Amino acid sequence: MPVGIKIVYEVLISDLINLGIVLFLILMIPVGISLIISRYTSWFSAISDFARYFVISALTMWLVLIGSVELLYETEVIAGNRTSIGTFLHVIAGGLAGGIFYKLRYTIFA
């Protein structure tokens, strides 16, 4: 079957229409959990704030990767998640993003 630009757009639009709410929940539930965890761990945490943001962001990325597989018909929708090294690199990238967010947040608003 030849794949043209029309078929690509039709598949993308149907995925957004059919999976829009599910994808939104897959992203928002781990983010909400991580915000709650970060709020309460800031009160009694002995680790630095940078490390706390790193760990919580890495955990959030891991939950998104696992949730996307488990809730979307056991398919690997994120290509890097197909191997363990890809999953590891995604989690590390999520942690680094959290650490960079912490540095930028407290540099700009300090």
Protein backbone atom coordinates (compact mmCIF):
# COMPACT_ATOMS: atom_id res chain seq x y z
CA MET A 1 0.00 0.00 0.00
CA PRO A 2 1.56 3.30 -0.98
CA VAL A 3 1.84 5.81 1.82
CA GLY A 4 1.30 9.39 0.82
CA ILE A 5 1.12 12.64 2.71
CA LYS A 6 -2.69 12.39 2.80
CA ILE A 7 -2.56 9.06 4.64
CA VAL A 8 0.00 10.42 7.11
CA TYR A 9 -2.23 13.36 8.00
CA GLU A 10 -5.33 11.16 8.23
CA VAL A 11 -3.59 8.83 10.69
CA LEU A 12 -2.28 11.72 12.80
CA ILE A 13 -5.68 13.39 12.95
CA SER A 14 -7.47 10.13 13.81
CA ASP A 15 -4.92 9.43 16.57
CA LEU A 16 -5.44 12.89 18.03
CA ILE A 17 -9.22 12.54 17.90
CA ASN A 18 -9.38 8.97 19.22
CA LEU A 19 -6.54 9.10 21.75
CA GLY A 20 -6.54 12.79 22.70
CA ILE A 21 -8.05 12.43 26.17
CA VAL A 22 -6.09 9.27 26.93
CA LEU A 23 -2.78 10.87 25.91
CA PHE A 24 -3.63 13.96 27.95
CA LEU A 25 -4.31 11.82 31.03
CA ILE A 26 -1.16 9.75 30.47
CA LEU A 27 0.82 12.96 30.66
CA MET A 28 -1.12 14.83 33.34
CA ILE A 29 -1.49 12.10 35.96
CA PRO A 30 2.28 11.56 36.45
CA VAL A 31 2.90 15.31 36.35
CA GLY A 32 0.25 15.84 39.02
CA ILE A 33 1.72 13.08 41.17
CA SER A 34 5.20 14.55 40.81
CA LEU A 35 4.00 18.02 41.81
CA ILE A 36 2.40 16.61 44.95
CA ILE A 37 5.53 14.61 45.78
CA SER A 38 7.81 17.60 45.24
CA ARG A 39 5.65 19.80 47.46
CA TYR A 40 5.73 17.44 50.42
CA THR A 41 9.33 16.26 50.05
CA SER A 42 10.58 19.85 50.14
CA TRP A 43 9.56 20.10 53.80
CA PHE A 44 11.61 17.24 55.18
CA SER A 45 14.12 16.35 52.50
CA ALA A 46 17.82 16.16 53.34
CA ILE A 47 18.93 16.13 49.70
CA SER A 48 19.63 19.25 47.68
CA ASP A 49 16.86 20.91 45.71
CA PHE A 50 18.63 20.21 42.41
CA ALA A 51 18.80 16.48 43.20
CA ARG A 52 15.16 16.48 44.32
CA TYR A 53 14.02 18.09 41.05
CA PHE A 54 16.22 15.66 39.08
CA VAL A 55 14.79 12.58 40.81
CA ILE A 56 11.18 13.70 40.64
CA SER A 57 11.45 14.65 36.96
CA ALA A 58 13.13 11.34 36.13
CA LEU A 59 10.35 9.51 37.99
CA THR A 60 7.74 11.47 36.06
CA MET A 61 9.36 10.60 32.73
CA TRP A 62 9.49 6.94 33.73
CA LEU A 63 5.79 6.98 34.69
CA VAL A 64 4.88 8.60 31.35
CA LEU A 65 6.85 5.97 29.43
CA ILE A 66 5.31 3.09 31.38
CA GLY A 67 1.83 4.62 31.22
CA SER A 68 2.02 5.14 27.49
CA VAL A 69 2.79 1.46 26.97
CA GLU A 70 0.31 0.06 29.47
CA LEU A 71 -2.63 2.27 28.55
CA LEU A 72 -2.22 2.33 24.77
CA TYR A 73 -2.82 -1.29 23.86
CA GLU A 74 0.71 -2.49 24.78
CA THR A 75 2.27 -0.55 21.90
CA GLU A 76 5.52 1.37 22.06
CA VAL A 77 4.42 4.79 20.84
CA ILE A 78 7.66 6.46 21.87
CA ALA A 79 10.37 4.94 19.69
CA GLY A 80 13.19 5.27 22.20
CA ASN A 81 11.20 3.29 24.74
CA ARG A 82 11.56 0.06 22.78
CA THR A 83 14.91 -0.84 24.35
CA SER A 84 16.10 -0.62 27.93
CA ILE A 85 18.93 1.76 26.98
CA GLY A 86 16.41 4.00 25.23
CA THR A 87 14.18 4.02 28.30
CA PHE A 88 17.18 4.77 30.50
CA LEU A 89 18.23 7.68 28.29
CA HIS A 90 14.68 9.07 28.30
CA VAL A 91 14.58 8.92 32.10
CA ILE A 92 17.99 10.62 32.40
CA ALA A 93 16.87 13.30 29.93
CA GLY A 94 13.75 13.87 32.04
CA GLY A 95 15.88 14.20 35.15
CA LEU A 96 18.22 16.66 33.44
CA ALA A 97 15.22 18.68 32.29
CA GLY A 98 14.03 18.89 35.89
CA GLY A 99 17.46 19.97 37.07
CA ILE A 100 17.73 22.61 34.35
CA PHE A 101 14.23 23.80 35.22
CA TYR A 102 15.31 24.20 38.86
CA LYS A 103 18.44 26.16 37.90
CA LEU A 104 16.53 28.45 35.52
CA ARG A 105 13.62 28.95 37.89
CA TYR A 106 15.78 30.06 40.78
CA THR A 107 18.16 32.05 38.58
CA ILE A 108 15.40 34.06 36.96
CA PHE A 109 13.07 34.47 39.94
CA ALA A 110 15.62 34.66 42.77
